[in-house]
Each structure stands twice: as structure tokens, then as C-alpha cells.
N, C-alpha and C. Protein backbone atom coordinates (compact mmCIF):
# COMPACT_ATOMS: atom_id res chain seq x y z
N UNK A 1 8.66 18.00 -6.08
CA UNK A 1 8.75 19.10 -5.64
C UNK A 1 8.10 20.02 -4.37
N UNK A 2 6.62 19.14 -4.52
CA UNK A 2 6.28 19.32 -3.32
C UNK A 2 6.33 18.33 -2.36
N UNK A 3 7.00 17.38 -2.63
CA UNK A 3 7.40 16.18 -1.48
C UNK A 3 8.78 16.13 -0.77
N UNK A 4 9.22 16.72 -1.64
CA UNK A 4 10.32 17.56 -0.98
C UNK A 4 10.50 18.23 0.12
N UNK A 5 9.68 19.51 -0.45
CA UNK A 5 9.64 20.68 0.29
C UNK A 5 8.99 19.87 1.73
N UNK A 6 7.55 19.14 1.33
CA UNK A 6 7.02 19.03 2.57
C UNK A 6 7.75 18.16 3.30
N UNK A 7 8.16 17.54 3.00
CA UNK A 7 8.47 16.66 3.72
C UNK A 7 10.50 16.75 4.66
N UNK A 8 10.22 18.04 4.22
CA UNK A 8 12.20 18.60 4.07
C UNK A 8 13.23 17.53 3.67
N UNK A 9 13.11 17.56 2.86
CA UNK A 9 13.87 15.98 2.36
C UNK A 9 15.33 16.40 1.48
N UNK A 10 16.32 16.00 1.46
CA UNK A 10 17.36 16.91 0.99
C UNK A 10 17.17 15.90 -0.20
N UNK A 11 18.23 16.12 -1.51
CA UNK A 11 17.80 15.57 -2.86
C UNK A 11 17.91 14.46 -3.45
N UNK A 12 18.71 13.92 -2.41
CA UNK A 12 18.63 12.32 -2.23
C UNK A 12 18.12 11.56 -1.46
N UNK A 13 17.70 12.21 -0.67
CA UNK A 13 16.33 11.45 -0.18
C UNK A 13 15.20 11.16 -0.77
N UNK A 14 14.54 12.43 -1.38
CA UNK A 14 13.69 12.44 -2.17
C UNK A 14 13.72 12.07 -3.42
N UNK A 15 14.96 11.16 -4.05
CA UNK A 15 14.80 10.58 -5.18
C UNK A 15 15.08 8.92 -4.76
N UNK A 16 15.19 9.05 -3.63
CA UNK A 16 15.18 7.30 -3.23
C UNK A 16 13.70 6.75 -2.27
N UNK A 17 13.05 7.64 -2.36
CA UNK A 17 11.42 7.36 -2.12
C UNK A 17 10.71 6.27 -2.38
N UNK A 18 10.50 5.24 -2.20
CA UNK A 18 10.18 3.84 -2.89
C UNK A 18 8.63 3.74 -2.74
N UNK A 19 8.03 2.93 -3.28
CA UNK A 19 6.72 2.67 -2.29
C UNK A 19 6.32 2.39 -0.86
N UNK A 20 7.46 1.68 -1.09
CA UNK A 20 7.40 0.60 0.73
C UNK A 20 7.76 2.04 1.78
N UNK A 21 7.93 3.61 1.05
CA UNK A 21 8.18 4.56 2.14
C UNK A 21 6.40 4.95 2.60
N UNK A 22 5.49 4.54 2.25
CA UNK A 22 3.88 5.03 2.31
C UNK A 22 3.70 3.80 3.31
N UNK A 23 2.91 4.94 4.40
CA UNK A 23 2.44 3.96 5.31
C UNK A 23 0.97 4.73 5.85
N UNK A 24 0.34 4.14 6.62
CA UNK A 24 -1.35 4.28 7.02
C UNK A 24 -1.14 5.89 7.28
N UNK A 25 0.12 6.18 8.07
CA UNK A 25 -0.07 7.47 9.19
C UNK A 25 0.50 8.61 8.41
N UNK A 26 1.64 8.18 6.83
CA UNK A 26 2.30 8.93 6.37
C UNK A 26 3.20 8.63 5.79
N UNK A 27 4.45 9.31 5.41
CA UNK A 27 5.59 8.66 4.39
C UNK A 27 6.56 8.77 5.61
N UNK A 28 7.53 7.55 5.60
CA UNK A 28 8.38 7.26 6.40
C UNK A 28 9.63 7.52 5.65
N UNK A 29 10.53 8.73 5.86
CA UNK A 29 11.66 10.01 5.54
C UNK A 29 12.69 9.18 6.24
N UNK A 30 14.16 8.15 5.17
CA UNK A 30 15.23 7.85 5.73
C UNK A 30 15.87 9.10 5.26
N UNK A 31 16.57 9.26 6.35
CA UNK A 31 16.86 10.47 6.22
C UNK A 31 18.88 10.17 6.35
N UNK A 32 19.76 11.00 5.82
CA UNK A 32 20.95 10.90 5.65
C UNK A 32 21.30 11.88 6.84
N UNK A 33 23.08 11.74 6.92
CA UNK A 33 23.47 12.38 7.57
C UNK A 33 23.40 12.86 8.75
N UNK A 34 22.93 11.49 9.51
CA UNK A 34 23.05 11.45 11.04
C UNK A 34 21.82 12.25 11.74
N UNK A 35 21.03 12.13 10.99
CA UNK A 35 19.41 13.03 11.39
C UNK A 35 18.32 11.57 11.11
N UNK A 36 17.51 11.66 11.96
CA UNK A 36 16.67 10.24 12.29
C UNK A 36 15.74 10.24 11.68
N UNK A 37 15.16 9.34 11.21
CA UNK A 37 14.35 8.81 10.54
C UNK A 37 12.73 9.18 10.76
N UNK A 38 11.94 9.72 10.33
CA UNK A 38 10.63 10.15 11.23
C UNK A 38 9.53 9.85 9.90
N UNK A 39 8.32 10.03 10.25
CA UNK A 39 7.18 10.05 9.83
C UNK A 39 6.35 11.28 10.03
N UNK A 40 5.97 11.85 8.33
CA UNK A 40 5.69 12.95 7.86
C UNK A 40 3.93 12.82 7.50
N UNK A 41 2.83 13.44 8.18
CA UNK A 41 1.38 12.85 7.87
C UNK A 41 1.29 13.54 6.92
N UNK A 42 0.08 12.66 6.12
CA UNK A 42 -0.68 12.96 5.06
C UNK A 42 -1.47 14.38 5.30
N UNK A 43 -1.12 14.66 4.24
CA UNK A 43 -2.06 15.99 3.66
C UNK A 43 -2.98 16.19 2.34
N UNK A 44 -4.24 16.52 2.02
CA UNK A 44 -4.60 16.33 0.91
C UNK A 44 -3.75 16.47 -0.51
N UNK A 45 -2.38 17.65 -0.31
CA UNK A 45 -1.78 17.87 -1.05
C UNK A 45 -0.45 16.94 -1.33
N UNK A 46 0.09 16.06 -0.34
CA UNK A 46 0.45 15.26 -0.10
C UNK A 46 0.18 13.92 -0.58
N UNK A 47 -0.84 13.17 -0.22
CA UNK A 47 -1.07 12.85 -0.85
C UNK A 47 -1.79 12.33 -2.48
N UNK A 48 -2.21 13.63 -3.03
CA UNK A 48 -2.04 13.79 -4.54
C UNK A 48 -1.16 14.03 -5.35
N UNK A 49 0.00 14.53 -4.76
CA UNK A 49 1.97 14.48 -5.28
C UNK A 49 2.18 12.76 -5.02
N UNK A 50 1.76 12.23 -4.57
CA UNK A 50 2.50 11.02 -4.26
C UNK A 50 1.79 10.16 -4.98
N UNK A 51 0.33 10.30 -4.96
CA UNK A 51 -0.29 9.28 -6.17
C UNK A 51 0.02 9.95 -7.41
N UNK A 52 0.89 10.68 -7.67
CA UNK A 52 1.18 10.50 -9.16
C UNK A 52 2.26 9.39 -9.58
N UNK A 53 1.89 8.74 -8.89
CA UNK A 53 3.05 7.39 -9.94
C UNK A 53 2.31 6.56 -10.50
N UNK A 54 1.05 7.39 -11.36
CA UNK A 54 0.81 6.75 -12.71
C UNK A 54 1.23 6.83 -13.70
N UNK A 55 2.44 8.54 -13.33
CA UNK A 55 3.58 9.03 -14.33
C UNK A 55 4.55 7.91 -14.70
N UNK A 56 4.87 7.15 -13.62
CA UNK A 56 6.10 6.08 -13.62
C UNK A 56 5.37 5.05 -14.39
N UNK A 57 3.77 4.70 -13.76
CA UNK A 57 3.31 3.75 -14.67
C UNK A 57 3.54 3.65 -15.87
N UNK A 58 3.42 4.73 -16.34
CA UNK A 58 2.86 5.47 -17.92
C UNK A 58 4.38 5.45 -18.22
N UNK A 59 5.22 5.76 -17.67
CA UNK A 59 6.79 5.49 -18.24
C UNK A 59 7.50 4.56 -18.28
N UNK A 60 6.95 3.20 -17.11
CA UNK A 60 7.14 2.31 -18.24
C UNK A 60 6.72 1.55 -18.97
N UNK A 61 5.58 1.51 -18.74
CA UNK A 61 5.06 1.33 -20.17
C UNK A 61 5.15 1.53 -21.41
N UNK A 62 5.42 2.81 -21.32
CA UNK A 62 5.74 3.37 -22.84
C UNK A 62 7.05 2.76 -23.20
N UNK A 63 8.13 2.29 -22.31
CA UNK A 63 9.34 1.92 -22.92
C UNK A 63 9.58 0.54 -22.58
N UNK A 64 8.41 -0.41 -22.20
CA UNK A 64 8.38 -1.83 -22.15
C UNK A 64 9.18 -2.12 -20.98
N UNK A 65 9.10 -1.29 -20.12
CA UNK A 65 9.54 -1.60 -18.65
C UNK A 65 9.33 -2.96 -17.48
N UNK A 66 9.69 -3.51 -16.93
CA UNK A 66 8.54 -4.34 -16.27
C UNK A 66 8.26 -4.03 -14.81
N UNK A 67 6.97 -3.40 -14.03
CA UNK A 67 6.50 -3.38 -13.11
C UNK A 67 7.61 -3.87 -12.13
N UNK A 68 8.02 -3.50 -11.23
CA UNK A 68 8.54 -3.81 -10.11
C UNK A 68 7.29 -4.77 -9.00
N UNK A 69 7.90 -5.98 -8.59
CA UNK A 69 6.59 -6.68 -7.67
C UNK A 69 7.16 -6.31 -6.38
N UNK A 70 8.57 -5.86 -5.46
CA UNK A 70 8.48 -5.77 -4.48
C UNK A 70 8.48 -4.04 -4.21
N UNK A 71 7.91 -3.59 -3.39
CA UNK A 71 7.51 -2.06 -3.05
C UNK A 71 9.41 -0.97 -2.71
N UNK A 72 9.64 -2.02 -2.20
CA UNK A 72 10.76 -1.21 -1.91
C UNK A 72 11.95 -1.12 -3.31
N UNK A 73 11.34 -1.81 -4.44
CA UNK A 73 12.37 -1.63 -5.89
C UNK A 73 11.20 -0.04 -6.43
N UNK A 74 10.29 0.02 -6.54
CA UNK A 74 9.27 0.72 -6.68
C UNK A 74 9.82 2.37 -6.62
N UNK A 75 10.72 2.90 -7.55
CA UNK A 75 11.00 4.37 -6.77
C UNK A 75 9.85 5.26 -7.21
N UNK A 76 10.01 6.43 -6.59
CA UNK A 76 8.79 7.40 -6.65
C UNK A 76 9.13 8.19 -7.96
N UNK A 77 10.22 8.61 -7.78
CA UNK A 77 10.95 9.62 -8.78
C UNK A 77 11.28 8.64 -9.62
N UNK A 78 11.36 8.76 -10.59
CA UNK A 78 12.00 8.15 -12.35
C UNK A 78 12.10 9.43 -13.32
N UNK A 79 12.62 8.95 -14.66
CA UNK A 79 13.02 9.01 -15.53
C UNK A 79 11.58 9.44 -16.39
N UNK A 80 12.24 10.45 -17.65
CA UNK A 80 10.84 9.83 -18.57
C UNK A 80 11.41 8.75 -19.21
N UNK A 81 11.74 7.52 -18.96
CA UNK A 81 12.26 6.41 -19.53
C UNK A 81 12.16 5.18 -18.66
N UNK A 82 11.76 6.07 -17.24
CA UNK A 82 10.98 4.98 -16.23
C UNK A 82 12.11 4.40 -15.38
N UNK A 83 13.34 4.63 -15.27
CA UNK A 83 14.44 4.32 -14.41
C UNK A 83 14.22 5.48 -13.67
N UNK A 84 15.26 4.06 -12.40
CA UNK A 84 14.74 5.24 -10.89
C UNK A 84 16.25 6.90 -11.01
N UNK A 85 15.75 8.05 -10.61
CA UNK A 85 16.83 9.38 -10.85
C UNK A 85 17.73 8.60 -9.81
N UNK A 86 18.82 9.35 -11.10
CA UNK A 86 20.40 9.29 -10.14
C UNK A 86 20.28 10.69 -9.35
N UNK A 87 21.47 11.19 -8.79
CA UNK A 87 21.42 11.95 -7.62
C UNK A 87 21.90 13.19 -8.37
N UNK A 88 22.17 13.30 -9.00
CA UNK A 88 22.51 14.30 -10.77
C UNK A 88 21.79 14.55 -11.31
N UNK A 89 20.44 14.34 -11.62
CA UNK A 89 19.59 14.25 -12.50
C UNK A 89 18.54 15.67 -11.87
N UNK A 90 18.02 15.86 -10.49
CA UNK A 90 17.90 17.07 -10.23
C UNK A 90 18.68 18.30 -9.81
N UNK A 91 19.63 17.84 -9.91
CA UNK A 91 20.90 19.15 -9.44
C UNK A 91 20.68 19.62 -10.92
N UNK A 92 21.04 18.79 -12.19
CA UNK A 92 21.00 19.12 -13.40
C UNK A 92 20.08 19.43 -13.66
N UNK A 93 18.83 19.82 -13.57
CA UNK A 93 17.54 20.23 -13.69
C UNK A 93 17.91 21.79 -13.15
N UNK A 94 18.21 21.79 -11.73
CA UNK A 94 17.79 23.15 -10.92
C UNK A 94 19.02 23.72 -11.67
N UNK A 95 20.44 23.55 -11.86
CA UNK A 95 20.78 24.29 -12.68
C UNK A 95 20.63 24.84 -13.86
N UNK A 96 19.85 24.19 -14.96
CA UNK A 96 18.94 24.54 -16.18
C UNK A 96 17.92 25.46 -15.58
N UNK A 97 17.49 25.19 -14.44
CA UNK A 97 16.52 26.22 -14.27
C UNK A 97 16.76 27.56 -13.72
N UNK A 98 17.59 27.37 -13.55
CA UNK A 98 18.68 28.73 -12.84
C UNK A 98 18.64 29.83 -13.56
N UNK A 99 19.95 28.78 -14.20
CA UNK A 99 20.11 29.93 -16.09
C UNK A 99 18.88 30.63 -16.58
N UNK A 100 18.32 29.58 -16.73
CA UNK A 100 16.52 30.47 -17.70
C UNK A 100 16.14 31.45 -16.63
N UNK A 101 16.38 31.15 -15.46
CA UNK A 101 15.76 32.86 -14.77
C UNK A 101 16.84 33.88 -15.03
N UNK A 102 17.94 33.23 -14.95
CA UNK A 102 19.06 34.41 -14.99
C UNK A 102 19.40 34.99 -16.21
N UNK A 103 18.75 34.34 -17.28
CA UNK A 103 18.82 34.36 -18.83
C UNK A 103 18.20 35.47 -19.19
N UNK A 104 19.09 37.03 -19.39
CA UNK A 104 17.89 38.53 -19.69
C UNK A 104 17.39 38.06 -20.80
N UNK A 105 16.28 38.32 -21.38
CA UNK A 105 15.41 38.76 -22.36
C UNK A 105 16.06 38.96 -23.38
């Protein structure tokens, strides 16, 4: 969520981030809907969020998934099984969160 908010990413743009998007200056965001791609500079908070790839590595190890060698195939956001998120996964999670928030006590 920190990465999507800080980089002003649409859901699909966030779930398609890979290790190849990281540059020395920041993160290259591949935009959709006619917007121009851009690089957002690193901040300490964003670097910490990006470095959470250890969660991906743990999921891959837990489910005996091989690590991708090519950076453009190593998705930043993965499921608990270590597979890339689909576009509908964050949408469904958001809907569940809103249902919990709206639920009367």
C-alpha cells in the first residue's frame, strides 16, 4: 500500500512492479491509460517498503517455487503462495476490508 500510494499507482500498475523497475534514482513506474512513465525518487520509507521482497522470497521458499533469474519476471507483490497477484486480488481484498469497516458491532 505504501508503494502504491507514494508512487500514485493504479492497482494494475502496482501489481505489475518487478525488480526491474528499481533504479539507482528511484522506481520506474510503467503507467497505463496514456500517462507517461516516470521515476519516483527513493525515500527511506519507500526503500523499506521495496526491500520487503524478503516476503516474496519466504513465500517462494515455503512453497518450493524456483526463484526467477530475470528481474523483469520477479514480481514485487505476490500471493502467499509466491505467485504474482492478479488484478482482481487487491480489489477483492479492498472490498473485504470495506465490508469489515462497515459492519456494525
